[in-house]
Amino acid sequence: MAATSDNKIILYTNHRCPWAHRAHIILSELNIPFEEVIIDLDRPRDPWYLEINPRGLVPSISYNGVILTESGIISQFLADENPSELLPASNAPGGALKRAQINFFVDTLFSKTQGILFKLGTVTSEAVLEKLSGEYVAAVAKEVEPLLKDAAPFFGGSKKLTLAEVLSGSFLIRILTLSSAGVYPASIVSGLKEKTPNFYKWAEAVSAHPSVTNIFDKDVIIEGTKTRLQKQRSQI
């Protein structure tokens, strides 16, 4: 369902940012028209943008003149405002339960696994990098793999993307791309294939979806991540 013509949406974004990528995914899935404003993340934010979002982060949206920030809040709002198969209404049969399951899944994915990957920029030793890789795969196997036993190919047996994929897709495509390119340890991909078949199959399906790949520039992400990790490691 597309937003009605009198709903004006301006998305303040940067295509390199996985958090902002979430907003692109849901806007694409809901077929909502929007105006895009690119925010340069490589320099201090302009005063006009800090008036929109004092934190200086992306994404932000202007929805009929009302500003919303934080990717999870934006995605949840757009899903609620534009009913679709992404997320059932809370008062629909089974809707409250499905919403709770999606919320738990996303919380588990980020609170139990994603933080391990953030540590990759804090070490230079190959041995420690491999240790972190093993920790990540083990955490996915323990915490996330069981929650995807009925993925078909998407969360909860869905044939189409759900809000679970909207909120995780931008990170999944980066994990698979950067590991395959050797920017992250290659053992992440091999470990996921071997020890988390449900997760790996799901992640591949999500990462290949048009709404996820739409703004994803593989070469830009690879080079940008290399530069970021080198900068972080040079400061150790």
Protein backbone atom coordinates (compact mmCIF):
# COMPACT_ATOMS: atom_id res chain seq x y z
CA MET A 1 0.00 0.00 0.00
CA ALA A 2 1.41 3.39 -0.96
CA ALA A 3 1.11 6.49 1.18
CA THR A 4 -1.61 8.86 0.07
CA SER A 5 -0.56 11.81 -2.04
CA ASP A 6 -1.14 14.32 0.74
CA ASN A 7 1.43 12.60 2.99
CA LYS A 8 4.76 14.26 2.28
CA ILE A 9 7.81 12.32 3.43
CA ILE A 10 11.37 13.63 3.38
CA LEU A 11 14.04 11.07 4.24
CA TYR A 12 17.37 12.39 5.55
CA THR A 13 19.82 9.59 4.89
CA ASN A 14 23.20 8.32 3.81
CA HIS A 15 23.45 5.20 1.67
CA ARG A 16 26.52 3.93 3.52
CA CYS A 17 24.74 3.80 6.88
CA PRO A 18 23.08 0.47 7.77
CA TRP A 19 20.68 2.22 10.15
CA ALA A 20 19.49 4.60 7.42
CA HIS A 21 19.33 1.62 5.05
CA ARG A 22 16.49 0.30 7.20
CA ALA A 23 14.32 3.26 6.23
CA HIS A 24 14.99 2.66 2.54
CA ILE A 25 13.97 -0.98 2.88
CA ILE A 26 10.61 -0.27 4.49
CA LEU A 27 9.81 2.63 2.17
CA SER A 28 10.53 0.34 -0.77
CA GLU A 29 8.48 -2.52 0.66
CA LEU A 30 5.50 -0.24 1.29
CA ASN A 31 5.91 1.51 -2.07
CA ILE A 32 5.84 4.90 -0.35
CA PRO A 33 7.04 7.90 -2.37
CA PHE A 34 9.54 10.16 -0.63
CA GLU A 35 12.02 12.95 -1.17
CA GLU A 36 15.62 12.06 -0.34
CA VAL A 37 18.19 14.36 1.25
CA ILE A 38 21.71 12.94 1.56
CA ILE A 39 23.57 13.86 4.75
CA ASP A 40 27.37 13.91 4.49
CA LEU A 41 28.64 11.80 7.39
CA ASP A 42 32.30 12.61 6.71
CA ARG A 43 32.13 16.14 8.11
CA PRO A 44 30.42 17.96 10.98
CA ARG A 45 26.68 18.28 10.51
CA ASP A 46 25.31 21.53 9.16
CA PRO A 47 23.35 23.66 11.65
CA TRP A 48 20.16 23.22 9.63
CA TYR A 49 20.33 19.44 10.05
CA LEU A 50 21.02 19.67 13.77
CA GLU A 51 17.78 21.60 14.03
CA ILE A 52 16.04 18.61 12.45
CA ASN A 53 17.92 16.00 14.48
CA PRO A 54 20.05 17.44 17.31
CA ARG A 55 21.91 14.11 17.54
CA GLY A 56 23.11 14.57 13.97
CA LEU A 57 22.34 10.96 13.11
CA VAL A 58 20.59 9.36 10.14
CA PRO A 59 17.96 8.44 9.33
CA SER A 60 15.42 11.11 10.12
CA ILE A 61 12.13 11.65 8.34
CA SER A 62 9.81 14.58 8.04
CA TYR A 63 6.26 13.23 7.89
CA ASN A 64 3.92 16.02 6.94
CA GLY A 65 6.26 18.36 8.76
CA VAL A 66 6.62 16.20 11.89
CA ILE A 67 10.15 14.94 12.52
CA LEU A 68 10.81 11.34 13.52
CA THR A 69 14.26 9.96 14.29
CA GLU A 70 15.84 6.56 15.05
CA SER A 71 15.55 3.82 12.43
CA GLY A 72 13.58 1.37 14.54
CA ILE A 73 11.00 3.97 15.51
CA ILE A 74 10.69 5.21 11.92
CA SER A 75 10.26 1.67 10.58
CA GLN A 76 7.69 0.76 13.23
CA PHE A 77 5.72 3.94 12.57
CA LEU A 78 5.65 3.44 8.80
CA ALA A 79 4.60 -0.20 9.22
CA ASP A 80 1.78 0.80 11.58
CA GLU A 81 0.69 3.73 9.42
CA ASN A 82 0.61 1.62 6.25
CA PRO A 83 -0.85 -1.82 7.06
CA SER A 84 0.72 -4.62 5.05
CA GLU A 85 2.08 -8.15 5.34
CA LEU A 86 5.21 -6.72 6.94
CA LEU A 87 3.50 -6.47 10.31
CA PRO A 88 -0.01 -7.47 11.39
CA ALA A 89 -2.14 -5.04 13.36
CA SER A 90 -2.07 -5.70 17.09
CA ASN A 91 -5.83 -6.29 17.13
CA ALA A 92 -5.79 -8.69 14.16
CA PRO A 93 -6.13 -12.41 14.96
CA GLY A 94 -2.72 -13.49 16.22
CA GLY A 95 -1.37 -10.01 15.52
CA ALA A 96 -0.19 -9.17 19.02
CA LEU A 97 1.63 -12.50 19.29
CA LYS A 98 3.34 -12.12 15.90
CA ARG A 99 4.45 -8.60 16.79
CA ALA A 100 5.90 -9.86 20.07
CA GLN A 101 7.75 -12.66 18.26
CA ILE A 102 9.23 -10.22 15.75
CA ASN A 103 10.26 -7.83 18.52
CA PHE A 104 11.93 -10.63 20.47
CA PHE A 105 13.74 -11.90 17.40
CA VAL A 106 15.14 -8.49 16.46
CA ASP A 107 16.14 -7.77 20.05
CA THR A 108 17.91 -11.14 20.27
CA LEU A 109 19.73 -10.66 16.97
CA PHE A 110 21.14 -7.28 17.95
CA SER A 111 21.64 -7.68 21.70
CA LYS A 112 23.24 -11.14 21.56
CA THR A 113 25.27 -11.09 18.33
CA GLN A 114 25.78 -7.73 16.65
CA GLY A 115 27.92 -6.27 19.41
CA ILE A 116 30.57 -8.91 18.73
CA LEU A 117 31.04 -7.62 15.20
CA PHE A 118 31.45 -4.07 16.47
CA LYS A 119 34.63 -5.27 18.22
CA LEU A 120 36.34 -6.11 14.92
CA GLY A 121 37.68 -2.57 14.69
CA THR A 122 39.28 -2.76 18.13
CA VAL A 123 41.83 -5.54 17.43
CA THR A 124 44.69 -6.08 14.99
CA SER A 125 45.76 -9.63 15.86
CA GLU A 126 44.60 -12.30 13.39
CA ALA A 127 44.23 -14.71 16.28
CA VAL A 128 41.89 -12.36 18.12
CA LEU A 129 39.93 -11.64 14.95
CA GLU A 130 39.39 -15.38 14.49
CA LYS A 131 38.37 -15.65 18.13
CA LEU A 132 35.73 -12.95 17.60
CA SER A 133 34.57 -14.74 14.47
CA GLY A 134 34.08 -17.93 16.46
CA GLU A 135 32.25 -16.05 19.20
CA TYR A 136 29.89 -14.50 16.67
CA VAL A 137 29.05 -17.80 15.00
CA ALA A 138 28.56 -19.45 18.39
CA ALA A 139 26.22 -16.67 19.53
CA VAL A 140 24.17 -16.93 16.34
CA ALA A 141 23.99 -20.71 16.76
CA LYS A 142 22.83 -20.46 20.35
CA GLU A 143 20.51 -17.47 20.26
CA VAL A 144 19.23 -16.93 16.70
CA GLU A 145 19.36 -20.25 14.87
CA PRO A 146 16.48 -21.82 16.86
CA LEU A 147 14.24 -18.81 16.13
CA LEU A 148 14.55 -19.43 12.38
CA LYS A 149 13.60 -23.10 12.30
CA ASP A 150 10.37 -22.29 10.44
CA ALA A 151 11.72 -19.57 8.12
CA ALA A 152 10.32 -20.15 4.63
CA PRO A 153 12.32 -18.28 3.53
CA PHE A 154 11.51 -15.34 5.82
CA PHE A 155 10.73 -15.05 9.50
CA GLY A 156 7.88 -17.11 10.90
CA GLY A 157 7.26 -19.03 7.68
CA SER A 158 6.49 -15.92 5.66
CA LYS A 159 6.93 -15.94 1.89
CA LYS A 160 7.42 -12.16 1.97
CA LEU A 161 9.59 -9.86 4.05
CA THR A 162 8.40 -9.02 7.54
CA LEU A 163 9.47 -6.23 9.86
CA ALA A 164 12.11 -8.66 11.16
CA GLU A 165 13.87 -8.51 7.79
CA VAL A 166 13.34 -4.76 7.42
CA LEU A 167 15.23 -4.18 10.66
CA SER A 168 17.98 -6.73 10.02
CA GLY A 169 18.48 -6.80 6.25
CA SER A 170 20.97 -3.94 6.00
CA PHE A 171 23.21 -5.63 8.56
CA LEU A 172 22.89 -9.13 7.07
CA ILE A 173 23.95 -8.02 3.60
CA ARG A 174 26.99 -6.29 5.11
CA ILE A 175 27.98 -9.35 7.14
CA LEU A 176 27.85 -11.68 4.15
CA THR A 177 29.46 -9.20 1.75
CA LEU A 178 32.28 -8.08 4.03
CA SER A 179 33.11 -11.61 5.17
CA SER A 180 33.16 -12.93 1.62
CA ALA A 181 35.43 -10.03 0.60
CA GLY A 182 37.85 -10.70 3.48
CA VAL A 183 37.15 -7.38 5.20
CA TYR A 184 35.63 -9.36 8.05
CA PRO A 185 37.13 -12.79 8.79
CA ALA A 186 36.16 -15.24 6.04
CA SER A 187 35.56 -17.81 8.78
CA ILE A 188 32.31 -15.98 9.64
CA VAL A 189 30.66 -17.11 6.42
CA SER A 190 32.13 -20.62 6.53
CA GLY A 191 31.15 -20.96 10.18
CA LEU A 192 27.60 -19.78 9.57
CA LYS A 193 27.22 -22.21 6.65
CA GLU A 194 28.38 -25.11 8.78
CA LYS A 195 26.84 -24.37 12.16
CA THR A 196 23.79 -22.22 11.47
CA PRO A 197 22.07 -23.50 8.30
CA ASN A 198 18.74 -21.89 9.18
CA PHE A 199 20.35 -18.51 9.75
CA TYR A 200 22.59 -18.71 6.69
CA LYS A 201 19.77 -19.67 4.34
CA TRP A 202 17.60 -16.89 5.77
CA ALA A 203 20.40 -14.31 5.59
CA GLU A 204 21.11 -15.20 1.96
CA ALA A 205 17.43 -14.82 1.04
CA VAL A 206 17.17 -11.48 2.80
CA SER A 207 20.42 -10.19 1.32
CA ALA A 208 19.25 -10.98 -2.21
CA HIS A 209 15.90 -9.22 -1.87
CA PRO A 210 15.45 -6.17 -4.14
CA SER A 211 14.40 -3.84 -1.34
CA VAL A 212 17.61 -4.72 0.52
CA THR A 213 19.95 -4.52 -2.47
CA ASN A 214 18.34 -1.37 -3.90
CA ILE A 215 20.75 1.23 -2.48
CA PHE A 216 23.54 -1.18 -1.53
CA ASP A 217 26.74 -0.35 -3.42
CA LYS A 218 29.02 -3.32 -2.73
CA ASP A 219 32.28 -1.62 -3.73
CA VAL A 220 31.54 1.53 -1.74
CA ILE A 221 30.65 -0.45 1.38
CA ILE A 222 33.74 -2.65 1.11
CA GLU A 223 36.14 0.27 0.66
CA GLY A 224 34.41 2.39 3.26
CA THR A 225 34.50 -0.39 5.84
CA LYS A 226 38.17 -1.09 5.13
CA THR A 227 38.96 2.58 5.72
CA ARG A 228 36.90 2.72 8.90
CA LEU A 229 38.47 -0.40 10.37
CA GLN A 230 41.98 0.78 9.50
CA LYS A 231 41.29 4.10 11.19
CA GLN A 232 39.91 2.43 14.29
CA ARG A 233 42.83 0.01 14.51
CA SER A 234 45.41 2.78 14.02
CA GLN A 235 44.12 4.39 17.20
CA ILE A 236 44.63 1.30 19.34
